[in-house]
N, C-alpha and C. Protein backbone atom coordinates (compact mmCIF):
# COMPACT_ATOMS: atom_id res chain seq x y z
N MET A 1 22.72 -4.84 0.72
CA MET A 1 21.27 -4.74 0.67
C MET A 1 20.68 -5.55 1.82
N SER A 2 19.55 -5.09 2.39
CA SER A 2 18.92 -5.75 3.52
C SER A 2 18.42 -7.14 3.15
N SER A 3 18.32 -7.99 4.16
CA SER A 3 17.80 -9.34 3.97
C SER A 3 16.30 -9.40 4.21
N PHE A 4 15.64 -8.26 4.30
CA PHE A 4 14.20 -8.22 4.54
C PHE A 4 13.46 -9.07 3.50
N GLN A 5 12.51 -9.88 3.98
CA GLN A 5 11.67 -10.68 3.11
C GLN A 5 10.21 -10.41 3.43
N ASP A 6 9.40 -10.24 2.38
CA ASP A 6 7.97 -10.06 2.60
C ASP A 6 7.39 -11.29 3.28
N PRO A 7 6.43 -11.10 4.19
CA PRO A 7 5.85 -12.22 4.95
C PRO A 7 4.84 -13.02 4.14
N GLN A 8 5.29 -13.71 3.09
CA GLN A 8 4.37 -14.38 2.19
C GLN A 8 3.81 -15.68 2.74
N GLU A 9 4.35 -16.17 3.84
CA GLU A 9 3.84 -17.40 4.42
C GLU A 9 3.38 -17.19 5.86
N CYS A 10 3.14 -15.95 6.24
CA CYS A 10 2.75 -15.64 7.61
C CYS A 10 1.32 -16.14 7.89
N THR A 11 1.12 -16.77 9.06
CA THR A 11 -0.20 -17.20 9.51
C THR A 11 -0.43 -16.74 10.96
N ALA A 12 0.16 -15.60 11.30
CA ALA A 12 0.10 -15.14 12.69
C ALA A 12 -1.30 -14.70 13.12
N CYS A 13 -2.16 -14.36 12.17
CA CYS A 13 -3.52 -13.94 12.50
C CYS A 13 -4.48 -15.06 12.10
N PRO A 14 -4.97 -15.85 13.04
CA PRO A 14 -5.77 -17.04 12.71
C PRO A 14 -7.00 -16.73 11.85
N ARG A 15 -7.70 -15.65 12.15
CA ARG A 15 -8.90 -15.32 11.38
C ARG A 15 -8.56 -15.07 9.91
N LEU A 16 -7.48 -14.35 9.67
CA LEU A 16 -7.08 -14.04 8.31
C LEU A 16 -6.57 -15.29 7.59
N ALA A 17 -5.80 -16.10 8.28
CA ALA A 17 -5.27 -17.34 7.68
C ALA A 17 -6.41 -18.28 7.29
N GLU A 18 -7.43 -18.39 8.15
CA GLU A 18 -8.57 -19.25 7.84
C GLU A 18 -9.37 -18.69 6.66
N HIS A 19 -9.49 -17.38 6.62
CA HIS A 19 -10.23 -16.74 5.52
C HIS A 19 -9.52 -16.99 4.19
N LEU A 20 -8.21 -16.86 4.17
CA LEU A 20 -7.46 -17.09 2.93
C LEU A 20 -7.50 -18.56 2.52
N ALA A 21 -7.45 -19.45 3.48
CA ALA A 21 -7.51 -20.88 3.16
C ALA A 21 -8.85 -21.23 2.51
N ALA A 22 -9.92 -20.62 2.99
CA ALA A 22 -11.24 -20.86 2.40
C ALA A 22 -11.30 -20.31 0.98
N ILE A 23 -10.68 -19.17 0.74
CA ILE A 23 -10.68 -18.60 -0.61
C ILE A 23 -9.85 -19.45 -1.56
N ARG A 24 -8.73 -19.96 -1.10
CA ARG A 24 -7.91 -20.84 -1.96
C ARG A 24 -8.67 -22.10 -2.35
N GLN A 25 -9.48 -22.59 -1.43
CA GLN A 25 -10.28 -23.77 -1.75
C GLN A 25 -11.37 -23.41 -2.76
N ARG A 26 -11.95 -22.22 -2.60
CA ARG A 26 -13.01 -21.77 -3.51
C ARG A 26 -12.47 -21.42 -4.89
N ASP A 27 -11.31 -20.73 -4.91
CA ASP A 27 -10.70 -20.24 -6.16
C ASP A 27 -9.23 -20.62 -6.16
N PRO A 28 -8.88 -21.83 -6.55
CA PRO A 28 -7.50 -22.32 -6.46
C PRO A 28 -6.48 -21.52 -7.28
N ASP A 29 -6.93 -20.79 -8.29
CA ASP A 29 -5.99 -20.03 -9.11
C ASP A 29 -5.76 -18.62 -8.60
N TRP A 30 -6.39 -18.24 -7.49
CA TRP A 30 -6.16 -16.93 -6.90
C TRP A 30 -4.91 -16.97 -6.01
N HIS A 31 -4.30 -15.83 -5.79
CA HIS A 31 -3.12 -15.73 -4.90
C HIS A 31 -3.51 -16.13 -3.48
N ALA A 32 -4.45 -15.41 -2.88
CA ALA A 32 -5.04 -15.75 -1.58
C ALA A 32 -4.00 -16.12 -0.51
N LEU A 33 -2.95 -15.33 -0.44
CA LEU A 33 -1.89 -15.43 0.57
C LEU A 33 -1.50 -14.01 0.96
N PRO A 34 -0.63 -13.84 1.96
CA PRO A 34 -0.11 -12.50 2.19
C PRO A 34 0.45 -11.91 0.90
N VAL A 35 0.11 -10.66 0.61
CA VAL A 35 0.53 -10.04 -0.65
C VAL A 35 1.85 -9.31 -0.45
N PRO A 36 2.87 -9.66 -1.22
CA PRO A 36 4.17 -8.99 -1.09
C PRO A 36 4.12 -7.57 -1.64
N ALA A 37 5.04 -6.75 -1.18
CA ALA A 37 5.15 -5.38 -1.71
C ALA A 37 5.60 -5.42 -3.17
N PHE A 38 5.38 -4.32 -3.85
CA PHE A 38 5.75 -4.21 -5.26
C PHE A 38 6.73 -3.05 -5.40
N GLY A 39 7.93 -3.33 -5.90
CA GLY A 39 8.97 -2.32 -6.01
C GLY A 39 10.16 -2.68 -5.14
N LEU A 40 11.27 -2.00 -5.38
CA LEU A 40 12.52 -2.35 -4.72
C LEU A 40 12.72 -1.62 -3.40
N LEU A 41 13.55 -2.20 -2.55
CA LEU A 41 13.81 -1.61 -1.24
C LEU A 41 14.69 -0.37 -1.30
N ASP A 42 15.34 -0.11 -2.43
CA ASP A 42 16.18 1.09 -2.52
C ASP A 42 15.41 2.30 -3.03
N ALA A 43 14.08 2.23 -3.08
CA ALA A 43 13.26 3.34 -3.54
C ALA A 43 13.26 4.49 -2.53
N GLU A 44 13.06 5.69 -3.03
CA GLU A 44 12.94 6.86 -2.16
C GLU A 44 11.49 7.12 -1.73
N LEU A 45 10.54 6.49 -2.40
CA LEU A 45 9.12 6.67 -2.10
C LEU A 45 8.49 5.33 -1.74
N LEU A 46 7.74 5.32 -0.63
CA LEU A 46 6.97 4.15 -0.22
C LEU A 46 5.51 4.55 -0.11
N VAL A 47 4.64 3.86 -0.82
CA VAL A 47 3.19 4.07 -0.73
C VAL A 47 2.61 2.96 0.13
N VAL A 48 1.86 3.34 1.17
CA VAL A 48 1.29 2.37 2.11
C VAL A 48 -0.22 2.40 2.02
N GLY A 49 -0.81 1.29 1.62
CA GLY A 49 -2.26 1.16 1.59
C GLY A 49 -2.77 0.47 2.84
N LEU A 50 -4.05 0.09 2.82
CA LEU A 50 -4.66 -0.56 3.98
C LEU A 50 -4.44 -2.07 3.95
N ALA A 51 -5.07 -2.74 2.97
CA ALA A 51 -5.01 -4.21 2.88
C ALA A 51 -5.40 -4.62 1.47
N PRO A 52 -5.09 -5.84 1.07
CA PRO A 52 -5.49 -6.30 -0.26
C PRO A 52 -7.00 -6.32 -0.43
N GLY A 53 -7.47 -5.99 -1.64
CA GLY A 53 -8.88 -6.16 -1.97
C GLY A 53 -9.13 -7.59 -2.44
N GLU A 54 -10.34 -8.09 -2.22
CA GLU A 54 -10.60 -9.51 -2.51
C GLU A 54 -10.36 -9.85 -3.98
N LYS A 55 -10.91 -9.06 -4.89
CA LYS A 55 -10.77 -9.35 -6.31
C LYS A 55 -9.62 -8.57 -6.94
N GLY A 56 -8.90 -7.84 -6.11
CA GLY A 56 -7.74 -7.11 -6.58
C GLY A 56 -6.47 -7.85 -6.21
N ALA A 57 -5.71 -7.30 -5.27
CA ALA A 57 -4.43 -7.89 -4.90
C ALA A 57 -4.56 -9.31 -4.37
N ASN A 58 -5.63 -9.61 -3.67
CA ASN A 58 -5.82 -10.97 -3.17
C ASN A 58 -5.93 -11.97 -4.32
N ARG A 59 -6.43 -11.54 -5.45
CA ARG A 59 -6.53 -12.42 -6.62
C ARG A 59 -5.24 -12.43 -7.42
N THR A 60 -4.68 -11.24 -7.66
CA THR A 60 -3.54 -11.13 -8.58
C THR A 60 -2.19 -11.28 -7.92
N GLY A 61 -2.13 -11.04 -6.60
CA GLY A 61 -0.85 -11.14 -5.89
C GLY A 61 0.00 -9.89 -5.97
N ARG A 62 -0.55 -8.78 -6.46
CA ARG A 62 0.20 -7.53 -6.53
C ARG A 62 -0.65 -6.40 -5.94
N PRO A 63 -0.08 -5.55 -5.08
CA PRO A 63 -0.87 -4.48 -4.46
C PRO A 63 -1.60 -3.62 -5.48
N PHE A 64 -2.86 -3.31 -5.17
CA PHE A 64 -3.68 -2.38 -5.96
C PHE A 64 -3.81 -2.82 -7.43
N THR A 65 -3.88 -4.09 -7.67
CA THR A 65 -3.95 -4.60 -9.04
C THR A 65 -5.19 -5.46 -9.21
N GLY A 66 -6.14 -4.95 -9.99
CA GLY A 66 -7.35 -5.69 -10.27
C GLY A 66 -8.60 -5.07 -9.68
N ASP A 67 -8.47 -3.91 -9.01
CA ASP A 67 -9.63 -3.25 -8.45
C ASP A 67 -9.61 -1.76 -8.79
N VAL A 68 -10.66 -1.05 -8.39
CA VAL A 68 -10.81 0.36 -8.74
C VAL A 68 -9.67 1.21 -8.16
N ALA A 69 -9.22 0.86 -6.96
CA ALA A 69 -8.15 1.64 -6.33
C ALA A 69 -6.91 1.72 -7.22
N GLY A 70 -6.57 0.61 -7.84
CA GLY A 70 -5.41 0.59 -8.72
C GLY A 70 -5.61 1.41 -9.98
N GLU A 71 -6.87 1.54 -10.40
CA GLU A 71 -7.17 2.34 -11.58
C GLU A 71 -6.94 3.83 -11.34
N LEU A 72 -6.88 4.22 -10.07
CA LEU A 72 -6.52 5.59 -9.72
C LEU A 72 -5.04 5.70 -9.39
N LEU A 73 -4.52 4.71 -8.63
CA LEU A 73 -3.15 4.79 -8.14
C LEU A 73 -2.12 4.71 -9.26
N TYR A 74 -2.20 3.70 -10.10
CA TYR A 74 -1.13 3.49 -11.08
C TYR A 74 -1.07 4.59 -12.15
N PRO A 75 -2.19 5.10 -12.65
CA PRO A 75 -2.08 6.25 -13.56
C PRO A 75 -1.42 7.46 -12.91
N ALA A 76 -1.70 7.68 -11.61
CA ALA A 76 -1.06 8.80 -10.92
C ALA A 76 0.45 8.56 -10.79
N LEU A 77 0.83 7.35 -10.43
CA LEU A 77 2.26 7.04 -10.33
C LEU A 77 2.94 7.15 -11.69
N HIS A 78 2.28 6.68 -12.72
CA HIS A 78 2.85 6.75 -14.07
C HIS A 78 3.01 8.19 -14.53
N ARG A 79 2.02 9.02 -14.23
CA ARG A 79 2.09 10.42 -14.67
C ARG A 79 3.32 11.11 -14.12
N PHE A 80 3.72 10.74 -12.89
CA PHE A 80 4.87 11.40 -12.27
C PHE A 80 6.11 10.51 -12.27
N ALA A 81 6.13 9.55 -13.19
CA ALA A 81 7.31 8.73 -13.50
C ALA A 81 7.72 7.81 -12.36
N PHE A 82 6.76 7.40 -11.52
CA PHE A 82 7.05 6.41 -10.48
C PHE A 82 6.68 5.00 -10.92
N ALA A 83 6.05 4.86 -12.08
CA ALA A 83 5.69 3.56 -12.64
C ALA A 83 5.90 3.61 -14.14
N THR A 84 6.28 2.49 -14.72
CA THR A 84 6.59 2.46 -16.15
C THR A 84 5.34 2.32 -17.01
N SER A 85 4.18 2.09 -16.40
CA SER A 85 2.94 1.94 -17.14
C SER A 85 1.79 2.44 -16.28
N ASP A 86 0.69 2.82 -16.94
CA ASP A 86 -0.51 3.21 -16.19
C ASP A 86 -1.54 2.08 -16.16
N ALA A 87 -1.16 0.92 -16.69
CA ALA A 87 -2.07 -0.22 -16.79
C ALA A 87 -1.62 -1.34 -15.87
N PRO A 88 -2.22 -1.49 -14.68
CA PRO A 88 -1.77 -2.54 -13.76
C PRO A 88 -2.09 -3.95 -14.22
N LEU A 89 -3.10 -4.10 -15.09
CA LEU A 89 -3.49 -5.43 -15.56
C LEU A 89 -3.05 -5.66 -16.99
N GLY A 90 -2.71 -6.92 -17.29
CA GLY A 90 -2.42 -7.31 -18.66
C GLY A 90 -3.70 -7.74 -19.36
N PRO A 91 -3.62 -8.13 -20.62
CA PRO A 91 -4.81 -8.56 -21.38
C PRO A 91 -5.53 -9.75 -20.75
N ASP A 92 -4.81 -10.56 -19.99
CA ASP A 92 -5.42 -11.73 -19.35
C ASP A 92 -6.03 -11.42 -17.99
N LYS A 93 -6.09 -10.12 -17.64
CA LYS A 93 -6.66 -9.66 -16.37
C LYS A 93 -5.82 -10.07 -15.16
N ARG A 94 -4.58 -10.44 -15.41
CA ARG A 94 -3.63 -10.69 -14.33
C ARG A 94 -2.66 -9.52 -14.25
N ALA A 95 -1.79 -9.53 -13.25
CA ALA A 95 -0.85 -8.41 -13.07
C ALA A 95 0.00 -8.24 -14.33
N ASN A 96 0.10 -7.01 -14.78
CA ASN A 96 0.88 -6.68 -15.97
C ASN A 96 2.35 -7.02 -15.73
N PRO A 97 2.89 -8.02 -16.42
CA PRO A 97 4.28 -8.43 -16.16
C PRO A 97 5.31 -7.42 -16.63
N ALA A 98 4.89 -6.49 -17.50
CA ALA A 98 5.82 -5.50 -18.03
C ALA A 98 5.95 -4.29 -17.13
N MET A 99 5.05 -4.13 -16.17
CA MET A 99 5.08 -2.94 -15.32
C MET A 99 6.20 -3.04 -14.29
N ARG A 100 6.90 -1.93 -14.09
CA ARG A 100 7.92 -1.82 -13.06
C ARG A 100 7.71 -0.53 -12.28
N MET A 101 8.08 -0.53 -11.03
CA MET A 101 8.11 0.68 -10.24
C MET A 101 9.43 1.40 -10.47
N ALA A 102 9.40 2.72 -10.44
CA ALA A 102 10.60 3.53 -10.65
C ALA A 102 10.81 4.42 -9.42
N ASN A 103 11.77 4.05 -8.58
CA ASN A 103 12.05 4.79 -7.35
C ASN A 103 10.85 4.82 -6.42
N CYS A 104 10.03 3.77 -6.47
CA CYS A 104 8.81 3.70 -5.68
C CYS A 104 8.55 2.25 -5.29
N ARG A 105 7.98 2.06 -4.12
CA ARG A 105 7.59 0.74 -3.62
C ARG A 105 6.19 0.87 -3.04
N ILE A 106 5.35 -0.14 -3.24
CA ILE A 106 3.98 -0.13 -2.74
C ILE A 106 3.79 -1.29 -1.78
N THR A 107 3.21 -1.01 -0.62
CA THR A 107 2.99 -2.05 0.38
C THR A 107 1.65 -1.80 1.04
N ASN A 108 1.32 -2.61 2.03
CA ASN A 108 0.06 -2.46 2.78
C ASN A 108 0.31 -2.56 4.27
N ALA A 109 -0.54 -1.89 5.04
CA ALA A 109 -0.46 -1.98 6.50
C ALA A 109 -0.79 -3.38 6.97
N VAL A 110 -1.73 -4.03 6.28
CA VAL A 110 -2.10 -5.43 6.55
C VAL A 110 -1.89 -6.20 5.26
N ARG A 111 -1.13 -7.28 5.32
CA ARG A 111 -0.73 -7.98 4.09
C ARG A 111 -1.76 -9.00 3.60
N CYS A 112 -2.72 -9.36 4.45
CA CYS A 112 -3.72 -10.38 4.09
C CYS A 112 -5.10 -9.75 3.92
N LEU A 113 -5.89 -10.33 3.03
CA LEU A 113 -7.27 -9.89 2.85
C LEU A 113 -8.07 -10.16 4.13
N PRO A 114 -8.70 -9.13 4.71
CA PRO A 114 -9.56 -9.35 5.86
C PRO A 114 -11.01 -9.58 5.43
N PRO A 115 -11.76 -10.39 6.17
CA PRO A 115 -13.18 -10.53 5.85
C PRO A 115 -13.89 -9.19 5.84
N ALA A 116 -14.75 -8.99 4.84
CA ALA A 116 -15.51 -7.74 4.68
C ALA A 116 -14.59 -6.52 4.54
N ASN A 117 -13.34 -6.76 4.16
CA ASN A 117 -12.36 -5.67 3.97
C ASN A 117 -12.10 -4.88 5.25
N LYS A 118 -12.30 -5.50 6.42
CA LYS A 118 -12.14 -4.79 7.68
C LYS A 118 -11.23 -5.58 8.62
N PRO A 119 -9.95 -5.24 8.68
CA PRO A 119 -9.07 -5.89 9.66
C PRO A 119 -9.39 -5.41 11.06
N THR A 120 -9.18 -6.26 12.04
CA THR A 120 -9.36 -5.84 13.43
C THR A 120 -8.14 -5.02 13.87
N THR A 121 -8.32 -4.32 14.97
CA THR A 121 -7.20 -3.55 15.51
C THR A 121 -6.03 -4.48 15.86
N ALA A 122 -6.35 -5.63 16.42
CA ALA A 122 -5.29 -6.59 16.78
C ALA A 122 -4.53 -7.06 15.55
N GLU A 123 -5.23 -7.27 14.43
CA GLU A 123 -4.58 -7.71 13.20
C GLU A 123 -3.70 -6.62 12.62
N ILE A 124 -4.17 -5.40 12.69
CA ILE A 124 -3.35 -4.27 12.21
C ILE A 124 -2.07 -4.17 13.03
N HIS A 125 -2.20 -4.32 14.34
CA HIS A 125 -1.03 -4.24 15.21
C HIS A 125 -0.10 -5.43 14.99
N GLN A 126 -0.66 -6.62 14.81
CA GLN A 126 0.16 -7.82 14.58
C GLN A 126 1.01 -7.67 13.32
N CYS A 127 0.42 -7.11 12.27
CA CYS A 127 1.12 -6.99 10.98
C CYS A 127 2.11 -5.84 10.98
N ASN A 128 2.03 -4.97 11.97
CA ASN A 128 2.89 -3.79 11.98
C ASN A 128 4.37 -4.13 12.07
N VAL A 129 4.69 -5.30 12.63
CA VAL A 129 6.10 -5.69 12.73
C VAL A 129 6.72 -5.80 11.34
N HIS A 130 5.94 -6.19 10.35
CA HIS A 130 6.46 -6.30 8.99
C HIS A 130 6.71 -4.92 8.38
N LEU A 131 5.82 -3.97 8.67
CA LEU A 131 6.04 -2.61 8.18
C LEU A 131 7.25 -1.99 8.86
N GLN A 132 7.43 -2.24 10.14
CA GLN A 132 8.61 -1.74 10.84
C GLN A 132 9.89 -2.25 10.17
N ALA A 133 9.92 -3.56 9.88
CA ALA A 133 11.11 -4.14 9.25
C ALA A 133 11.32 -3.59 7.85
N GLU A 134 10.22 -3.35 7.14
CA GLU A 134 10.32 -2.82 5.78
C GLU A 134 10.91 -1.41 5.79
N LEU A 135 10.41 -0.57 6.68
CA LEU A 135 10.95 0.80 6.78
C LEU A 135 12.43 0.78 7.13
N ALA A 136 12.81 -0.12 8.03
CA ALA A 136 14.22 -0.21 8.43
C ALA A 136 15.10 -0.71 7.30
N ALA A 137 14.51 -1.43 6.34
CA ALA A 137 15.28 -2.02 5.24
C ALA A 137 15.37 -1.12 4.01
N MET A 138 14.85 0.10 4.12
CA MET A 138 14.85 1.01 2.98
C MET A 138 15.79 2.19 3.25
N PRO A 139 17.07 2.05 2.97
CA PRO A 139 18.06 3.06 3.35
C PRO A 139 17.91 4.39 2.62
N ARG A 140 17.32 4.40 1.44
CA ARG A 140 17.20 5.63 0.65
C ARG A 140 15.80 6.26 0.79
N LEU A 141 14.95 5.68 1.59
CA LEU A 141 13.57 6.16 1.71
C LEU A 141 13.52 7.60 2.24
N LYS A 142 12.78 8.45 1.53
CA LYS A 142 12.64 9.84 1.93
C LYS A 142 11.19 10.22 2.23
N ILE A 143 10.25 9.66 1.47
CA ILE A 143 8.84 10.04 1.61
C ILE A 143 7.97 8.79 1.69
N ILE A 144 7.03 8.82 2.63
CA ILE A 144 6.03 7.76 2.78
C ILE A 144 4.67 8.38 2.52
N VAL A 145 3.93 7.85 1.57
CA VAL A 145 2.56 8.29 1.32
C VAL A 145 1.62 7.28 1.94
N ALA A 146 0.80 7.73 2.88
CA ALA A 146 -0.17 6.86 3.55
C ALA A 146 -1.54 7.07 2.92
N LEU A 147 -2.11 6.01 2.39
CA LEU A 147 -3.42 6.08 1.75
C LEU A 147 -4.49 5.72 2.78
N GLY A 148 -5.06 6.74 3.39
CA GLY A 148 -6.11 6.53 4.38
C GLY A 148 -5.60 6.61 5.80
N ALA A 149 -6.55 6.80 6.72
CA ALA A 149 -6.19 7.01 8.12
C ALA A 149 -5.59 5.78 8.78
N ILE A 150 -6.03 4.59 8.39
CA ILE A 150 -5.47 3.37 9.01
C ILE A 150 -4.01 3.20 8.61
N ALA A 151 -3.70 3.43 7.33
CA ALA A 151 -2.30 3.37 6.89
C ALA A 151 -1.47 4.44 7.59
N HIS A 152 -2.05 5.62 7.75
CA HIS A 152 -1.39 6.73 8.46
C HIS A 152 -1.00 6.30 9.88
N ARG A 153 -1.97 5.73 10.59
CA ARG A 153 -1.69 5.29 11.97
C ARG A 153 -0.71 4.13 12.01
N ALA A 154 -0.75 3.27 11.00
CA ALA A 154 0.18 2.14 10.95
C ALA A 154 1.61 2.63 10.78
N VAL A 155 1.80 3.64 9.94
CA VAL A 155 3.15 4.20 9.75
C VAL A 155 3.63 4.84 11.05
N LEU A 156 2.75 5.59 11.70
CA LEU A 156 3.14 6.21 12.97
C LEU A 156 3.50 5.15 14.01
N ARG A 157 2.72 4.09 14.07
CA ARG A 157 3.02 3.01 15.02
C ARG A 157 4.37 2.38 14.71
N ALA A 158 4.63 2.17 13.41
CA ALA A 158 5.92 1.58 13.02
C ALA A 158 7.08 2.47 13.39
N CYS A 159 6.82 3.78 13.42
CA CYS A 159 7.86 4.76 13.79
C CYS A 159 7.83 5.11 15.26
N ARG A 160 6.94 4.45 16.01
CA ARG A 160 6.77 4.67 17.46
C ARG A 160 6.42 6.12 17.77
N LEU A 161 5.47 6.64 16.99
CA LEU A 161 4.99 8.01 17.18
C LEU A 161 3.51 7.99 17.54
N LYS A 162 3.06 9.03 18.25
CA LYS A 162 1.67 9.11 18.71
C LYS A 162 0.80 9.81 17.67
N PRO A 163 -0.36 9.24 17.33
CA PRO A 163 -1.25 9.86 16.34
C PRO A 163 -1.70 11.25 16.73
N ALA A 164 -1.83 11.52 18.03
CA ALA A 164 -2.36 12.81 18.46
C ALA A 164 -1.49 13.98 17.98
N SER A 165 -0.21 13.74 17.79
CA SER A 165 0.68 14.81 17.35
C SER A 165 0.86 14.84 15.84
N HIS A 166 0.18 13.94 15.13
CA HIS A 166 0.27 13.88 13.67
C HIS A 166 -1.13 13.58 13.14
N VAL A 167 -1.95 14.61 12.99
CA VAL A 167 -3.35 14.43 12.63
C VAL A 167 -3.49 14.18 11.13
N PHE A 168 -4.25 13.14 10.78
CA PHE A 168 -4.45 12.78 9.38
C PHE A 168 -5.24 13.85 8.63
N GLY A 169 -4.82 14.14 7.40
CA GLY A 169 -5.56 15.04 6.54
C GLY A 169 -5.08 14.90 5.11
N HIS A 170 -5.97 15.06 4.16
CA HIS A 170 -5.57 14.87 2.77
C HIS A 170 -4.51 15.87 2.33
N ASN A 171 -3.43 15.34 1.77
CA ASN A 171 -2.28 16.12 1.28
C ASN A 171 -1.63 16.94 2.39
N VAL A 172 -1.68 16.40 3.60
CA VAL A 172 -1.00 17.01 4.75
C VAL A 172 0.32 16.28 4.96
N SER A 173 1.39 17.03 5.20
CA SER A 173 2.72 16.46 5.38
C SER A 173 3.14 16.50 6.84
N HIS A 174 3.85 15.46 7.29
CA HIS A 174 4.32 15.36 8.66
C HIS A 174 5.81 15.01 8.66
N PRO A 175 6.69 15.94 8.99
CA PRO A 175 8.10 15.59 9.13
C PRO A 175 8.28 14.58 10.26
N LEU A 176 9.05 13.53 10.01
CA LEU A 176 9.31 12.50 11.01
C LEU A 176 10.68 12.72 11.65
N PRO A 177 10.87 12.24 12.87
CA PRO A 177 12.13 12.48 13.57
C PRO A 177 13.38 11.98 12.85
N ASP A 178 13.22 10.94 12.01
CA ASP A 178 14.38 10.39 11.31
C ASP A 178 14.71 11.14 10.02
N GLY A 179 14.00 12.23 9.75
CA GLY A 179 14.26 13.03 8.55
C GLY A 179 13.37 12.68 7.37
N ARG A 180 12.66 11.59 7.47
CA ARG A 180 11.73 11.23 6.41
C ARG A 180 10.46 12.06 6.53
N LEU A 181 9.62 12.01 5.50
CA LEU A 181 8.39 12.80 5.46
C LEU A 181 7.21 11.87 5.24
N LEU A 182 6.19 12.01 6.07
CA LEU A 182 4.94 11.28 5.89
C LEU A 182 3.93 12.21 5.23
N VAL A 183 3.38 11.78 4.10
CA VAL A 183 2.37 12.56 3.38
C VAL A 183 1.08 11.75 3.34
N ASP A 184 -0.01 12.35 3.77
CA ASP A 184 -1.29 11.67 3.83
C ASP A 184 -2.12 11.90 2.57
N SER A 185 -2.95 10.92 2.24
CA SER A 185 -3.94 11.06 1.17
C SER A 185 -5.17 10.27 1.55
N TYR A 186 -6.33 10.77 1.16
CA TYR A 186 -7.50 9.90 1.24
C TYR A 186 -7.22 8.65 0.42
N HIS A 187 -7.76 7.53 0.86
CA HIS A 187 -7.54 6.28 0.14
C HIS A 187 -8.22 6.36 -1.23
N CYS A 188 -7.56 5.80 -2.23
CA CYS A 188 -8.09 5.82 -3.60
C CYS A 188 -9.08 4.69 -3.83
N SER A 189 -9.97 4.50 -2.88
CA SER A 189 -10.97 3.43 -2.95
C SER A 189 -12.10 3.81 -3.89
N GLY A 190 -12.82 2.80 -4.33
CA GLY A 190 -13.98 3.06 -5.16
C GLY A 190 -15.02 3.90 -4.43
N TYR A 191 -15.16 3.69 -3.13
CA TYR A 191 -16.13 4.47 -2.35
C TYR A 191 -15.77 5.95 -2.35
N ASN A 192 -14.51 6.28 -2.06
CA ASN A 192 -14.09 7.68 -2.04
C ASN A 192 -14.20 8.32 -3.43
N TRP A 193 -13.93 7.51 -4.45
CA TRP A 193 -14.03 7.99 -5.83
C TRP A 193 -15.48 8.27 -6.21
N ARG A 194 -16.38 7.34 -5.88
CA ARG A 194 -17.80 7.47 -6.26
C ARG A 194 -18.48 8.60 -5.51
N THR A 195 -18.13 8.78 -4.24
CA THR A 195 -18.80 9.80 -3.43
C THR A 195 -18.23 11.19 -3.65
N GLY A 196 -17.15 11.30 -4.39
CA GLY A 196 -16.57 12.60 -4.65
C GLY A 196 -15.64 13.10 -3.56
N ARG A 197 -15.40 12.28 -2.56
CA ARG A 197 -14.47 12.70 -1.51
C ARG A 197 -13.07 12.88 -2.08
N LEU A 198 -12.76 12.04 -3.07
CA LEU A 198 -11.45 12.11 -3.72
C LEU A 198 -11.66 12.20 -5.22
N SER A 199 -11.02 13.16 -5.85
CA SER A 199 -11.06 13.28 -7.30
C SER A 199 -9.70 12.89 -7.86
N ARG A 200 -9.66 12.64 -9.17
CA ARG A 200 -8.37 12.33 -9.79
C ARG A 200 -7.39 13.49 -9.59
N GLU A 201 -7.91 14.71 -9.68
CA GLU A 201 -7.05 15.89 -9.56
C GLU A 201 -6.49 16.02 -8.14
N SER A 202 -7.35 15.83 -7.13
CA SER A 202 -6.86 15.98 -5.75
C SER A 202 -5.92 14.85 -5.37
N PHE A 203 -6.14 13.67 -5.95
CA PHE A 203 -5.25 12.55 -5.68
C PHE A 203 -3.89 12.76 -6.35
N GLU A 204 -3.91 13.17 -7.60
CA GLU A 204 -2.65 13.38 -8.31
C GLU A 204 -1.86 14.55 -7.73
N ALA A 205 -2.56 15.48 -7.08
CA ALA A 205 -1.85 16.61 -6.45
C ALA A 205 -0.90 16.12 -5.36
N VAL A 206 -1.26 15.03 -4.69
CA VAL A 206 -0.38 14.46 -3.67
C VAL A 206 0.94 14.03 -4.29
N PHE A 207 0.86 13.34 -5.42
CA PHE A 207 2.08 12.82 -6.04
C PHE A 207 2.84 13.90 -6.81
N ALA A 208 2.14 14.95 -7.22
CA ALA A 208 2.84 16.09 -7.81
C ALA A 208 3.74 16.73 -6.76
N GLY A 209 3.22 16.84 -5.53
CA GLY A 209 4.03 17.39 -4.44
C GLY A 209 5.20 16.50 -4.08
N VAL A 210 4.96 15.19 -4.06
CA VAL A 210 6.03 14.24 -3.77
C VAL A 210 7.12 14.35 -4.82
N LYS A 211 6.74 14.40 -6.09
CA LYS A 211 7.70 14.48 -7.18
C LYS A 211 8.53 15.75 -7.07
N ALA A 212 7.88 16.84 -6.72
CA ALA A 212 8.61 18.11 -6.59
C ALA A 212 9.62 18.04 -5.46
N ARG A 213 9.28 17.35 -4.37
CA ARG A 213 10.20 17.25 -3.25
C ARG A 213 11.39 16.36 -3.58
N LEU A 214 11.14 15.29 -4.33
CA LEU A 214 12.22 14.36 -4.66
C LEU A 214 13.07 14.86 -5.83
N GLY A 215 12.49 15.74 -6.65
CA GLY A 215 13.25 16.29 -7.77
C GLY A 215 13.19 15.40 -8.99
């Protein structure tokens, strides 16, 4: 098994490190550090989001846990047997300790909470080295689901591919040179949910297709 380790102590982006330090001082019981991926490296499916949400993963320490995005993502994963529960939070509003990923791993293009939920281009590029290492450490990986255009571009950058030849679109698939498949989805954010850009049905259709491909 690979020796890959999530960058839980990385401070390579000064703006992000300072932002997290201020949050830890404000809320000492919050995670407020780089958020590690959730799920094992031997999974066949990798879901890539953008970055931790302030009151979600940044608070709980688990991707998509504690915010609206997780309320869409985890039920979809559970429906298609990629998660053992559809409830990311426990009764104490912390990450559900009983939940496990099943043949699935969840990560982010940027591991630290950015101010105003907007990482800079330089920060996205700086963090890409971790995504590159993660992809290299997943020997059984077959499908990557990118949630949103930034995650889509981050995966392409990690694979050293040009975005112009792989245009982002909801539920659009892109065969990669290494035999893996990149599948795009609109991000399951509260904004996309509220505006109707993404429905539960259109989001779950992405994972229905993934499940059919993996068998």
